[in-house]
Amino acid sequence: MKRALAAALPGILVFAFASACRERPVPAPAGVTVPAPTPTPEPFRFGFLDESREGTPIDGGILRRRLTGEPTTLNAVLQSSGPEAQVLQYVQRNLFDFDASLQLVPGLAEGMEASSDGLEYTITLRPGVVWEDGRPVTARDAVFTIRKVADPKVPAPVYKPLFEELRGIEALDARRFKVRFSRPYAFRPMCFVLPILPAHRFEGQNFLKSKENRAPLSNGPYRVVSWKAQESVALERNPRYAGPRGHFDRIEFRIVPDNTTAYRMLLAGDLDEDVVDSGIKQRAASDPEFSACCRLVEFYNLDYNYIALNDRSLFFSDARVRRAMTMMLDRASIVRGLYRGSARIISGPWAPDSPAYDADVAPLPFDSAMAARLLDEAGWVRPAGGGAREKGGRRFEFDLLVSAGSEVGRQIDEMLSSELAKAGVTARVRAMEWSAFVEKVDSGDFEAASLAWSAVDPNPDPYFYWHSSQCAPAGINDGCYANPAADALMVQAREEMDAARRVEILHRLHRILRDEAPAIFVVNASQKYAFRKSVRGLTTSPLGLYGIWPGPLAWWGAREAAPQP
């Protein structure tokens, strides 16, 4: 699992309009004749698709992908956002990966053995795997990486919670290492969907400030060749990679926060892939330029978006206030208007397709009158003649942060702000540049912020995001929600090995989180992507396009026909 900050709410909301729709041709290998497809509209496809057996993949060319924000690091241990994960998937292999059916498959490792009590795991690495510099990938590298993840001085927000109960790790030989934990965990094997760092490259360096954090050594199919701030990250093939090759010679990530700009680049052939919102989807559906060059892919996954409320704040420490915030947001109108019906209102921190989600737990209603009464009960009182609500002489005014470029996210925030204003509460919608936004949220230095939860595995365990022990900045419970009853259920669920009983526990937790409202849970929106027709080999899953193996590594480029005169 992974929490992805909402730079245009990547993976959920906004992840999107030029002259001639021409694409730079992808060269075909010598001796291969590539039929030129007719530039006609493709049927719109909603739902999961698997193009892995459609057509004969062609090697060569450049794939131009969009990043909605700039990575803050390319150190796999330190990563905390979607843009970083998208780049690193090409560069550093995990020990294990998920395939499209959500099953664990070997990556850098070829096997895993667990003790009968579920406390010890022995991992065996594949033979012959090397780093970009020719040094072998060894058990020592794995030990180094996991120790860094567990180091309290290292901010590893994605992986640290997975190894909280680590009690020991040792290399048994060059290819095998053993990991010991203090207690069993129902989802423990998923912990090893984990990238590995080269121990020898960090020796004698400050881990947090190492030059490797911007130029990581590759053990994957591609290597980083350039990173231009606020512009692009470029990858080329790693000649030492012995696994399945990607089909493109080069991957260019363009950093494009603005959705309209990204859409124009897609039409012009300067992007091959774009994540889009409902407005762009609607525009594309009636745009003949788009129909001639591009196609839409849409499906539901396990992601959702929400507005985090900082429970440490004077404003949101009271559950009555948090409930009122949710009841001030007209989510039905959001589904109808902003998403054109392609979203589902949620009542807790899971998507409806997660087994943890209890469909009987109805979302809090849109009810401004009831919300106003809750604010009154919590002591935030409005003067008889109207005006701003106050408590103890302090006005109810706060900043609502959103990443710059997130048009749909901004519109949701503006809707909430407008409704709150009617009730005497001021929410100042404040758009921030991506890296500054990430820093604010990761440190817990905010009052409210538009975020997204982006699933990179099917683990429904909410412990990492909502347990009081995971309070930011040390963990990724960004709003620092704390409730003893919820904490106890989270611990019970992660230790319950029986799946049916575990679901019952999570359903009880769901009701508490609905009522306590640690955040405004908004919607599970369908994922909408636009691709040049030349990009083939797509496979989608509940983890999306990127969270599976081989995922983007299986994409390939066909030639497009030249526009007809």
Protein backbone atom coordinates (compact mmCIF):
# COMPACT_ATOMS: atom_id res chain seq x y z
CA MET A 1 0.00 0.00 0.00
CA LYS A 2 1.08 3.55 -0.39
CA ARG A 3 -0.24 6.99 0.31
CA ALA A 4 0.36 9.23 -2.68
CA LEU A 5 0.14 12.93 -2.17
CA ALA A 6 -2.24 14.73 -4.45
CA ALA A 7 -0.13 16.43 -7.06
CA ALA A 8 -3.16 16.82 -9.20
CA LEU A 9 -4.23 13.98 -6.94
CA PRO A 10 -2.15 11.47 -8.91
CA GLY A 11 -3.78 8.20 -9.69
CA ILE A 12 -7.21 9.49 -8.74
CA LEU A 13 -8.25 12.94 -9.74
CA VAL A 14 -6.05 14.63 -12.20
CA PHE A 15 -3.13 12.71 -13.40
CA ALA A 16 -5.37 15.80 -19.73
CA PHE A 17 -5.76 20.51 -27.34
CA ALA A 18 -2.85 21.68 -30.45
CA SER A 19 -2.71 21.60 -34.24
CA ALA A 20 -1.63 18.67 -36.41
CA CYS A 21 -1.74 15.38 -34.54
CA ARG A 22 1.60 13.90 -35.57
CA GLU A 23 3.84 11.70 -33.54
CA ARG A 24 7.51 11.16 -33.99
CA PRO A 25 7.66 7.76 -35.68
CA VAL A 26 8.97 4.82 -33.70
CA PRO A 27 11.55 3.07 -35.87
CA ALA A 28 10.90 -0.57 -36.64
CA PRO A 29 13.77 -3.05 -36.42
CA ALA A 30 15.44 -4.00 -39.67
CA GLY A 31 13.46 -6.55 -41.66
CA VAL A 32 10.21 -5.93 -39.81
CA THR A 33 7.23 -4.53 -41.71
CA VAL A 34 4.82 -2.66 -39.52
CA PRO A 35 1.28 -2.15 -40.81
CA ALA A 36 0.07 1.42 -40.40
CA PRO A 37 -3.27 1.56 -38.58
CA THR A 38 -6.01 3.81 -39.94
CA PRO A 39 -6.39 6.91 -37.73
CA THR A 40 -9.99 6.28 -36.72
CA PRO A 41 -11.54 6.50 -33.26
CA GLU A 42 -11.08 3.43 -31.08
CA PRO A 43 -14.00 2.12 -29.05
CA PHE A 44 -13.96 3.49 -25.51
CA ARG A 45 -12.93 0.80 -23.05
CA PHE A 46 -14.16 0.87 -19.46
CA GLY A 47 -12.94 -1.90 -17.20
CA PHE A 48 -9.86 -4.04 -16.93
CA LEU A 49 -7.94 -4.85 -20.07
CA ASP A 50 -5.06 -7.10 -21.02
CA GLU A 51 -3.26 -6.37 -24.27
CA SER A 52 -0.29 -8.58 -23.45
CA ARG A 53 -1.23 -11.03 -26.22
CA GLU A 54 -2.38 -8.49 -28.78
CA GLY A 55 0.05 -7.86 -31.61
CA THR A 56 3.77 -8.49 -31.89
CA PRO A 57 5.80 -6.16 -29.66
CA ILE A 58 8.29 -3.91 -31.44
CA ASP A 59 11.52 -2.84 -29.75
CA GLY A 60 12.92 0.65 -30.08
CA GLY A 61 11.87 4.27 -29.84
CA ILE A 62 11.15 6.67 -27.02
CA LEU A 63 8.25 6.58 -24.58
CA ARG A 64 7.27 10.02 -23.27
CA ARG A 65 5.39 9.87 -19.99
CA ARG A 66 3.95 12.55 -17.74
CA LEU A 67 4.84 13.26 -14.13
CA THR A 68 2.35 15.57 -12.42
CA GLY A 69 5.06 16.73 -10.02
CA GLU A 70 8.81 16.56 -9.60
CA PRO A 71 10.29 13.74 -7.52
CA THR A 72 11.80 14.89 -4.25
CA THR A 73 14.26 11.98 -4.28
CA LEU A 74 15.15 8.88 -6.27
CA ASN A 75 16.33 7.01 -3.21
CA ALA A 76 13.87 4.10 -3.12
CA VAL A 77 13.89 3.95 0.68
CA LEU A 78 13.13 7.66 1.07
CA GLN A 79 10.41 7.86 -1.61
CA SER A 80 7.00 9.15 -0.54
CA SER A 81 5.02 10.03 -3.67
CA GLY A 82 3.64 8.82 -6.99
CA PRO A 83 6.16 10.55 -9.30
CA GLU A 84 9.05 8.88 -7.48
CA ALA A 85 7.45 5.44 -7.69
CA GLN A 86 6.76 5.85 -11.41
CA VAL A 87 10.44 6.54 -12.16
CA LEU A 88 11.85 3.97 -9.75
CA GLN A 89 9.76 1.13 -11.16
CA TYR A 90 12.06 1.18 -14.19
CA VAL A 91 15.30 1.56 -12.25
CA GLN A 92 15.21 -0.60 -9.14
CA ARG A 93 13.56 -4.00 -9.01
CA ASN A 94 11.69 -5.22 -5.96
CA LEU A 95 12.46 -8.49 -4.23
CA PHE A 96 8.93 -9.55 -5.21
CA ASP A 97 6.17 -7.90 -7.24
CA PHE A 98 2.43 -8.22 -7.78
CA ASP A 99 1.12 -9.38 -11.12
CA ALA A 100 -2.16 -8.23 -12.65
CA SER A 101 -4.09 -10.87 -10.66
CA LEU A 102 -2.57 -9.49 -7.42
CA GLN A 103 -0.41 -12.55 -6.82
CA LEU A 104 3.18 -12.25 -5.58
CA VAL A 105 5.74 -13.09 -8.26
CA PRO A 106 9.55 -13.25 -8.03
CA GLY A 107 11.60 -10.15 -8.74
CA LEU A 108 15.19 -9.86 -7.54
CA ALA A 109 14.39 -12.80 -5.28
CA GLU A 110 13.56 -16.26 -6.53
CA GLY A 111 12.10 -17.70 -3.34
CA MET A 112 10.75 -17.09 0.15
CA GLU A 113 10.42 -19.54 3.04
CA ALA A 114 8.45 -18.78 6.19
CA SER A 115 8.73 -20.47 9.57
CA SER A 116 5.67 -22.26 10.91
CA ASP A 117 5.08 -19.53 13.52
CA GLY A 118 5.24 -16.78 10.89
CA LEU A 119 8.11 -14.99 12.61
CA GLU A 120 11.07 -15.83 10.33
CA TYR A 121 11.43 -15.41 6.57
CA THR A 122 14.36 -16.61 4.51
CA ILE A 123 14.73 -14.90 1.13
CA THR A 124 16.89 -16.26 -1.69
CA LEU A 125 18.09 -13.87 -4.40
CA ARG A 126 18.29 -14.81 -8.05
CA PRO A 127 21.77 -15.75 -9.26
CA GLY A 128 23.62 -13.48 -11.66
CA VAL A 129 21.85 -10.21 -10.81
CA VAL A 130 24.20 -7.23 -10.94
CA TRP A 131 24.18 -3.50 -10.39
CA GLU A 132 24.70 -1.03 -13.16
CA ASP A 133 28.41 -0.81 -12.19
CA GLY A 134 28.86 -4.57 -12.56
CA ARG A 135 28.93 -5.41 -8.84
CA PRO A 136 26.65 -8.30 -7.83
CA VAL A 137 23.38 -7.71 -5.98
CA THR A 138 23.88 -9.56 -2.72
CA ALA A 139 22.19 -10.41 0.54
CA ARG A 140 24.38 -7.71 2.09
CA ASP A 141 22.53 -5.13 -0.02
CA ALA A 142 19.18 -6.43 1.19
CA VAL A 143 20.32 -6.35 4.82
CA PHE A 144 21.64 -2.81 4.38
CA THR A 145 18.35 -1.65 2.83
CA ILE A 146 16.08 -3.15 5.47
CA ARG A 147 18.27 -1.78 8.27
CA LYS A 148 17.99 1.69 6.73
CA VAL A 149 14.23 1.31 6.49
CA ALA A 150 14.10 0.39 10.18
CA ASP A 151 16.55 3.11 11.28
CA PRO A 152 14.62 5.68 13.37
CA LYS A 153 16.84 8.45 11.96
CA VAL A 154 15.81 7.65 8.37
CA PRO A 155 12.45 8.92 7.09
CA ALA A 156 11.18 5.93 5.11
CA PRO A 157 7.42 6.64 5.15
CA VAL A 158 6.40 3.98 2.62
CA TYR A 159 8.32 1.03 4.06
CA LYS A 160 9.11 1.79 7.70
CA PRO A 161 5.71 0.66 9.04
CA LEU A 162 6.24 -2.71 7.36
CA PHE A 163 9.30 -3.38 9.49
CA GLU A 164 8.23 -1.92 12.82
CA GLU A 165 8.30 -5.37 14.38
CA LEU A 166 11.72 -6.26 12.95
CA ARG A 167 13.83 -8.05 15.52
CA GLY A 168 16.80 -9.11 13.45
CA ILE A 169 18.20 -9.54 9.99
CA GLU A 170 21.31 -11.33 8.80
CA ALA A 171 22.96 -12.45 5.59
CA LEU A 172 23.32 -16.23 5.50
CA ASP A 173 25.51 -16.18 2.40
CA ALA A 174 25.85 -14.08 -0.75
CA ARG A 175 22.33 -14.87 -1.95
CA ARG A 176 20.30 -15.66 1.17
CA PHE A 177 19.22 -13.58 4.14
CA LYS A 178 16.95 -14.20 7.10
CA VAL A 179 14.51 -11.69 8.62
CA ARG A 180 13.01 -12.13 12.09
CA PHE A 181 9.94 -10.37 13.46
CA SER A 182 8.53 -10.14 16.99
CA ARG A 183 5.00 -11.17 16.06
CA PRO A 184 3.14 -12.72 13.14
CA TYR A 185 1.42 -10.47 10.64
CA ALA A 186 -1.34 -11.53 8.28
CA PHE A 187 0.11 -9.65 5.31
CA ARG A 188 3.82 -10.17 6.06
CA PRO A 189 4.85 -11.57 2.65
CA MET A 190 3.73 -8.29 1.06
CA CYS A 191 6.46 -6.54 3.04
CA PHE A 192 9.00 -7.95 0.61
CA VAL A 193 7.58 -6.04 -2.32
CA LEU A 194 10.63 -3.95 -1.55
CA PRO A 195 13.42 -2.37 -3.63
CA ILE A 196 17.08 -2.89 -2.73
CA LEU A 197 19.85 -0.30 -2.48
CA PRO A 198 23.57 -0.86 -3.24
CA ALA A 199 25.35 -0.92 0.13
CA HIS A 200 28.76 -0.22 -1.41
CA ARG A 201 27.63 3.08 -2.94
CA PHE A 202 26.49 4.55 0.39
CA GLU A 203 29.59 3.68 2.41
CA GLY A 204 31.14 6.76 4.00
CA GLN A 205 28.24 8.98 2.89
CA ASN A 206 25.44 10.74 4.71
CA PHE A 207 22.51 8.54 3.66
CA LEU A 208 20.02 11.40 3.61
CA LYS A 209 22.26 13.68 1.55
CA SER A 210 24.04 11.16 -0.67
CA LYS A 211 24.52 11.97 -4.34
CA GLU A 212 22.94 8.56 -4.99
CA ASN A 213 19.61 10.07 -4.03
CA ARG A 214 19.48 11.96 -7.34
CA ALA A 215 21.43 9.46 -9.45
CA PRO A 216 20.50 6.00 -8.18
CA LEU A 217 22.48 2.95 -9.25
CA SER A 218 20.22 0.69 -11.28
CA ASN A 219 19.58 -3.03 -10.91
CA GLY A 220 16.54 -2.80 -13.18
CA PRO A 221 15.94 -2.61 -16.93
CA TYR A 222 16.67 1.13 -17.21
CA ARG A 223 19.11 3.61 -15.67
CA VAL A 224 18.83 7.32 -14.94
CA VAL A 225 20.83 9.41 -17.43
CA SER A 226 19.52 12.90 -16.58
CA TRP A 227 17.31 14.79 -14.16
CA LYS A 228 16.53 18.38 -15.07
CA ALA A 229 14.78 20.18 -12.25
CA GLN A 230 11.15 21.07 -12.99
CA GLU A 231 11.57 19.71 -16.52
CA SER A 232 12.31 16.01 -17.02
CA VAL A 233 13.85 12.75 -15.90
CA ALA A 234 15.36 10.60 -18.66
CA LEU A 235 16.11 6.87 -18.58
CA GLU A 236 17.99 4.61 -20.98
CA ARG A 237 18.46 0.87 -21.07
CA ASN A 238 20.69 -0.66 -18.41
CA PRO A 239 23.03 -2.86 -20.49
CA ARG A 240 23.86 -5.03 -17.47
CA TYR A 241 20.26 -5.96 -16.70
CA ALA A 242 19.75 -9.67 -17.30
CA GLY A 243 15.98 -9.83 -16.85
CA PRO A 244 13.18 -9.22 -19.36
CA ARG A 245 13.93 -6.09 -21.36
CA GLY A 246 11.60 -3.16 -21.78
CA HIS A 247 10.64 -2.53 -25.39
CA PHE A 248 11.54 1.16 -25.57
CA ASP A 249 15.15 2.33 -25.87
CA ARG A 250 14.50 5.41 -23.78
CA ILE A 251 11.90 6.63 -21.29
CA GLU A 252 11.42 10.36 -20.91
CA PHE A 253 9.35 11.61 -18.00
CA ARG A 254 8.13 15.15 -18.60
CA ILE A 255 7.24 17.11 -15.46
CA VAL A 256 3.94 18.77 -16.37
CA PRO A 257 1.78 19.87 -13.42
CA ASP A 258 -0.85 21.60 -15.57
CA ASN A 259 -3.52 19.35 -17.10
CA THR A 260 -4.36 21.51 -20.11
CA THR A 261 -0.68 21.80 -21.01
CA ALA A 262 -0.31 18.03 -20.72
CA TYR A 263 -3.31 17.45 -22.99
CA ARG A 264 -1.88 19.73 -25.67
CA MET A 265 1.44 17.91 -25.43
CA LEU A 266 -0.36 14.60 -25.86
CA LEU A 267 -2.07 15.77 -29.04
CA ALA A 268 1.19 17.16 -30.39
CA GLY A 269 3.04 13.88 -29.76
CA ASP A 270 5.22 15.36 -27.01
CA LEU A 271 3.60 12.99 -24.51
CA ASP A 272 2.52 9.39 -25.14
CA GLU A 273 0.65 8.91 -21.88
CA ASP A 274 -1.37 11.19 -19.64
CA VAL A 275 -3.61 10.72 -16.64
CA VAL A 276 -6.73 12.84 -17.10
CA ASP A 277 -9.72 14.08 -15.17
CA SER A 278 -13.42 13.95 -16.07
CA GLY A 279 -13.38 17.35 -17.74
CA ILE A 280 -10.53 16.38 -20.04
CA LYS A 281 -12.19 13.03 -20.70
CA GLN A 282 -15.37 14.78 -21.79
CA ARG A 283 -13.46 17.19 -23.99
CA ALA A 284 -11.44 14.40 -25.57
CA ALA A 285 -14.58 12.39 -26.37
CA SER A 286 -15.79 15.13 -28.71
CA ASP A 287 -12.39 16.23 -30.02
CA PRO A 288 -11.66 14.91 -33.55
CA GLU A 289 -7.95 15.58 -33.06
CA PHE A 290 -7.95 13.30 -30.05
CA SER A 291 -9.92 10.62 -31.89
CA ALA A 292 -7.38 10.64 -34.70
CA CYS A 293 -4.30 10.18 -32.53
CA CYS A 294 -5.25 8.91 -29.11
CA ARG A 295 -7.47 6.67 -27.01
CA LEU A 296 -9.00 6.62 -23.53
CA VAL A 297 -8.69 3.83 -20.97
CA GLU A 298 -10.84 3.90 -17.82
CA PHE A 299 -11.34 1.55 -14.86
CA TYR A 300 -11.89 1.51 -11.09
CA ASN A 301 -9.02 0.59 -8.82
CA LEU A 302 -8.35 0.65 -5.08
CA ASP A 303 -7.42 4.34 -4.92
CA TYR A 304 -9.47 7.05 -3.31
CA ASN A 305 -9.14 10.73 -2.53
CA TYR A 306 -9.73 12.52 0.72
CA ILE A 307 -9.12 15.78 2.56
CA ALA A 308 -6.81 15.21 5.50
CA LEU A 309 -7.72 17.07 8.70
CA ASN A 310 -4.93 17.60 11.19
CA ASP A 311 -6.30 16.26 14.43
CA ARG A 312 -3.57 18.08 16.37
CA SER A 313 -5.02 21.38 15.19
CA LEU A 314 -7.27 23.38 17.49
CA PHE A 315 -9.86 23.28 14.72
CA PHE A 316 -10.04 19.53 14.13
CA SER A 317 -9.24 17.84 17.44
CA ASP A 318 -12.97 17.34 18.09
CA ALA A 319 -14.70 14.53 16.13
CA ARG A 320 -17.89 16.61 15.99
CA VAL A 321 -16.05 19.27 14.00
CA ARG A 322 -14.57 16.66 11.67
CA ARG A 323 -18.01 15.15 11.07
CA ALA A 324 -19.32 18.62 10.32
CA MET A 325 -16.60 19.12 7.72
CA THR A 326 -17.68 15.97 5.91
CA MET A 327 -21.34 16.93 6.08
CA MET A 328 -20.53 20.31 4.52
CA LEU A 329 -19.19 18.69 1.34
CA ASP A 330 -21.81 17.80 -1.27
CA ARG A 331 -20.17 14.64 -2.60
CA ALA A 332 -23.17 13.64 -4.71
CA SER A 333 -22.80 16.90 -6.64
CA ILE A 334 -19.09 16.17 -7.02
CA VAL A 335 -19.86 12.79 -8.56
CA ARG A 336 -22.48 14.26 -10.91
CA GLY A 337 -20.66 17.43 -11.84
CA LEU A 338 -16.90 16.97 -11.61
CA TYR A 339 -16.77 13.25 -12.38
CA ARG A 340 -19.75 12.99 -14.74
CA GLY A 341 -20.94 9.98 -12.77
CA SER A 342 -17.66 8.03 -12.88
CA ALA A 343 -16.93 8.02 -9.15
CA ARG A 344 -18.29 6.38 -6.02
CA ILE A 345 -18.81 8.16 -2.68
CA ILE A 346 -16.91 6.42 0.12
CA SER A 347 -17.50 6.29 3.87
CA GLY A 348 -14.06 5.23 5.04
CA PRO A 349 -10.41 4.72 4.07
CA TRP A 350 -10.89 2.02 1.45
CA ALA A 351 -12.28 1.75 -2.04
CA PRO A 352 -15.60 -0.12 -2.35
CA ASP A 353 -13.86 -3.09 -3.99
CA SER A 354 -11.63 -3.68 -0.96
CA PRO A 355 -12.73 -6.52 1.35
CA ALA A 356 -12.25 -4.12 4.27
CA TYR A 357 -14.99 -1.82 2.97
CA ASP A 358 -18.38 -2.48 4.58
CA ALA A 359 -21.10 -1.51 2.11
CA ASP A 360 -23.57 -1.29 5.01
CA VAL A 361 -21.69 1.67 6.49
CA ALA A 362 -23.41 4.51 4.67
CA PRO A 363 -21.51 7.74 4.00
CA LEU A 364 -22.31 10.70 6.21
CA PRO A 365 -24.99 12.77 4.44
CA PHE A 366 -24.63 16.23 2.99
CA ASP A 367 -26.48 18.18 5.68
CA SER A 368 -25.35 21.75 6.33
CA ALA A 369 -27.94 22.33 9.06
CA MET A 370 -26.81 19.29 11.07
CA ALA A 371 -23.17 20.30 10.47
CA ALA A 372 -23.86 23.74 11.90
CA ARG A 373 -25.41 22.17 15.03
CA LEU A 374 -22.33 19.97 15.48
CA LEU A 375 -20.09 23.04 15.29
CA ASP A 376 -22.25 24.75 17.90
CA GLU A 377 -21.98 21.70 20.19
CA ALA A 378 -18.20 21.73 19.81
CA GLY A 379 -18.08 25.35 20.98
CA TRP A 380 -17.53 27.01 17.61
CA VAL A 381 -20.34 29.52 17.92
CA ARG A 382 -21.56 32.06 15.40
CA PRO A 383 -22.71 35.47 16.64
CA ALA A 384 -26.46 36.06 16.54
CA GLY A 385 -26.13 38.48 13.65
CA GLY A 386 -23.96 36.12 11.59
CA GLY A 387 -20.26 36.49 10.89
CA ALA A 388 -17.32 34.24 11.72
CA ARG A 389 -17.55 31.35 14.15
CA GLU A 390 -15.30 31.70 17.17
CA LYS A 391 -14.16 29.67 20.13
CA GLY A 392 -12.22 31.18 23.01
CA GLY A 393 -11.73 34.35 21.01
CA ARG A 394 -10.22 32.56 18.00
CA ARG A 395 -11.91 32.62 14.62
CA PHE A 396 -12.46 29.40 12.69
CA GLU A 397 -10.10 30.16 9.79
CA PHE A 398 -7.65 27.72 8.21
CA ASP A 399 -5.64 27.01 5.06
CA LEU A 400 -6.83 24.16 2.82
CA LEU A 401 -3.78 23.02 0.86
CA VAL A 402 -3.91 21.58 -2.65
CA SER A 403 -1.13 20.81 -5.11
CA ALA A 404 -0.78 23.27 -7.96
CA GLY A 405 -2.16 21.81 -11.19
CA SER A 406 -4.89 19.80 -9.48
CA GLU A 407 -7.90 21.36 -11.14
CA VAL A 408 -10.47 18.87 -9.88
CA GLY A 409 -8.87 18.87 -6.45
CA ARG A 410 -9.06 22.65 -6.41
CA GLN A 411 -12.71 22.58 -7.43
CA ILE A 412 -13.57 20.14 -4.63
CA ASP A 413 -11.77 22.38 -2.15
CA GLU A 414 -13.55 25.46 -3.48
CA MET A 415 -16.93 23.71 -3.10
CA LEU A 416 -16.12 22.90 0.51
CA SER A 417 -14.82 26.40 1.15
CA SER A 418 -17.99 27.94 -0.28
CA GLU A 419 -20.27 25.81 1.89
CA LEU A 420 -18.18 26.46 4.99
CA ALA A 421 -18.36 30.20 4.38
CA LYS A 422 -22.15 30.02 4.62
CA ALA A 423 -21.70 28.50 8.08
CA GLY A 424 -19.21 31.14 9.26
CA VAL A 425 -16.02 29.13 8.67
CA THR A 426 -13.21 30.41 6.45
CA ALA A 427 -11.21 27.83 4.47
CA ARG A 428 -8.55 29.53 2.35
CA VAL A 429 -7.78 27.27 -0.62
CA ARG A 430 -4.04 27.49 -1.13
CA ALA A 431 -2.35 25.90 -4.14
CA MET A 432 1.28 24.92 -3.57
CA GLU A 433 4.13 23.77 -5.80
CA TRP A 434 4.53 20.00 -5.56
CA SER A 435 7.75 19.66 -3.56
CA ALA A 436 6.65 22.32 -1.05
CA PHE A 437 3.27 20.62 -0.76
CA VAL A 438 4.93 17.24 -0.08
CA GLU A 439 7.17 18.76 2.57
CA LYS A 440 4.25 20.34 4.37
CA VAL A 441 2.16 17.19 4.41
CA ASP A 442 4.95 14.73 5.24
CA SER A 443 5.96 16.86 8.21
CA GLY A 444 2.38 17.18 9.44
CA ASP A 445 2.67 20.96 9.15
CA PHE A 446 -0.81 21.72 7.84
CA GLU A 447 -4.40 22.06 8.97
CA ALA A 448 -6.20 20.53 5.98
CA ALA A 449 -4.88 19.17 2.68
CA SER A 450 -6.25 17.41 -0.40
CA LEU A 451 -4.60 14.01 -0.66
CA ALA A 452 -5.00 10.70 -2.42
CA TRP A 453 -4.41 7.14 -1.31
CA SER A 454 -2.79 5.24 -4.15
CA ALA A 455 -2.69 1.46 -3.84
CA VAL A 456 0.51 -0.28 -4.88
CA ASP A 457 -0.55 -3.54 -3.27
CA PRO A 458 -3.87 -5.11 -2.25
CA ASN A 459 -3.13 -4.92 1.49
CA PRO A 460 -6.17 -3.36 3.24
CA ASP A 461 -4.29 -2.85 6.52
CA PRO A 462 -5.04 0.75 7.67
CA TYR A 463 -2.51 0.66 10.52
CA PHE A 464 0.19 2.60 8.70
CA TYR A 465 -2.12 5.50 7.85
CA TRP A 466 -4.49 5.80 10.79
CA HIS A 467 -2.87 4.23 13.89
CA SER A 468 -1.75 6.79 16.47
CA SER A 469 1.79 5.35 16.53
CA GLN A 470 2.23 6.39 12.90
CA CYS A 471 1.78 10.11 13.52
CA ALA A 472 3.69 12.40 11.12
CA PRO A 473 6.51 13.27 10.67
CA ALA A 474 7.83 9.88 11.79
CA GLY A 475 4.99 8.03 10.05
CA ILE A 476 2.36 8.67 7.41
CA ASN A 477 -0.67 9.22 9.64
CA ASP A 478 -0.42 12.78 8.37
CA GLY A 479 -3.37 14.11 10.34
CA CYS A 480 -2.18 12.33 13.50
CA TYR A 481 -5.56 10.69 14.13
CA ALA A 482 -5.69 8.95 17.51
CA ASN A 483 -8.46 6.80 18.97
CA PRO A 484 -7.78 3.93 21.42
CA ALA A 485 -10.69 1.80 20.17
CA ALA A 486 -9.63 2.22 16.55
CA ASP A 487 -6.00 1.51 17.47
CA ALA A 488 -6.99 -1.75 19.17
CA LEU A 489 -9.01 -2.94 16.17
CA MET A 490 -6.18 -2.12 13.78
CA VAL A 491 -3.78 -4.22 15.82
CA GLN A 492 -6.29 -7.09 16.04
CA ALA A 493 -6.87 -7.07 12.29
CA ARG A 494 -3.21 -7.24 11.37
CA GLU A 495 -2.65 -10.17 13.75
CA GLU A 496 -5.76 -12.15 12.79
CA MET A 497 -4.72 -14.94 10.43
CA ASP A 498 -8.28 -16.04 9.60
CA ALA A 499 -9.49 -13.99 6.63
CA ALA A 500 -13.19 -14.02 7.53
CA ARG A 501 -12.60 -12.91 11.12
CA ARG A 502 -10.18 -10.26 9.89
CA VAL A 503 -12.84 -8.80 7.61
CA GLU A 504 -15.29 -8.65 10.53
CA ILE A 505 -12.77 -6.66 12.56
CA LEU A 506 -12.11 -4.27 9.69
CA HIS A 507 -15.83 -3.72 9.21
CA ARG A 508 -16.15 -2.73 12.87
CA LEU A 509 -13.24 -0.35 12.38
CA HIS A 510 -14.90 1.07 9.27
CA ARG A 511 -17.91 2.19 11.31
CA ILE A 512 -15.69 3.93 13.87
CA LEU A 513 -13.75 5.75 11.16
CA ARG A 514 -16.96 6.85 9.46
CA ASP A 515 -18.26 8.27 12.74
CA GLU A 516 -14.96 9.74 13.93
CA ALA A 517 -14.21 11.25 10.50
CA PRO A 518 -10.41 11.61 10.82
CA ALA A 519 -10.57 12.93 7.27
CA ILE A 520 -13.17 13.90 4.70
CA PHE A 521 -13.38 10.71 2.65
CA VAL A 522 -14.50 11.92 -0.75
CA VAL A 523 -14.74 9.40 -3.60
CA ASN A 524 -13.22 6.41 -5.33
CA ALA A 525 -13.00 7.86 -8.84
CA SER A 526 -12.46 5.82 -11.95
CA GLN A 527 -8.93 6.01 -13.31
CA LYS A 528 -8.80 7.78 -16.65
CA TYR A 529 -5.79 7.66 -18.93
CA ALA A 530 -5.15 8.96 -22.40
CA PHE A 531 -2.59 7.24 -24.63
CA ARG A 532 -1.26 7.77 -28.08
CA LYS A 533 -2.58 4.93 -30.24
CA SER A 534 1.01 3.91 -30.87
CA VAL A 535 1.39 2.72 -27.24
CA ARG A 536 0.39 -0.93 -26.97
CA GLY A 537 0.73 -3.78 -24.48
CA LEU A 538 -1.34 -2.15 -21.71
CA THR A 539 -2.60 -4.20 -18.77
CA THR A 540 -4.76 -2.79 -15.99
CA SER A 541 -5.67 -4.20 -12.59
CA PRO A 542 -7.10 -3.07 -9.25
CA LEU A 543 -3.58 -1.72 -8.67
CA GLY A 544 -3.82 0.35 -11.82
CA LEU A 545 -1.36 0.51 -14.71
CA TYR A 546 1.82 0.95 -12.68
CA GLY A 547 1.59 -1.11 -9.50
CA ILE A 548 2.00 -4.47 -11.23
CA TRP A 549 4.76 -6.39 -12.97
CA PRO A 550 5.67 -6.07 -15.74
CA GLY A 551 3.29 -3.13 -16.01
CA PRO A 552 4.84 -0.32 -18.11
CA LEU A 553 7.80 -2.57 -18.95
CA ALA A 554 5.47 -4.49 -21.29
CA TRP A 555 4.37 -1.40 -23.22
CA TRP A 556 5.64 -1.07 -26.76
CA GLY A 557 5.35 1.38 -29.60
CA ALA A 558 3.79 0.82 -33.00
CA ARG A 559 3.87 3.27 -35.86
CA GLU A 560 1.01 5.63 -36.45
CA ALA A 561 -0.27 6.43 -39.88
CA ALA A 562 0.49 9.91 -41.17
CA PRO A 563 -2.52 12.27 -41.11
CA GLN A 564 -4.58 12.15 -44.27
CA PRO A 565 -4.40 15.30 -46.41
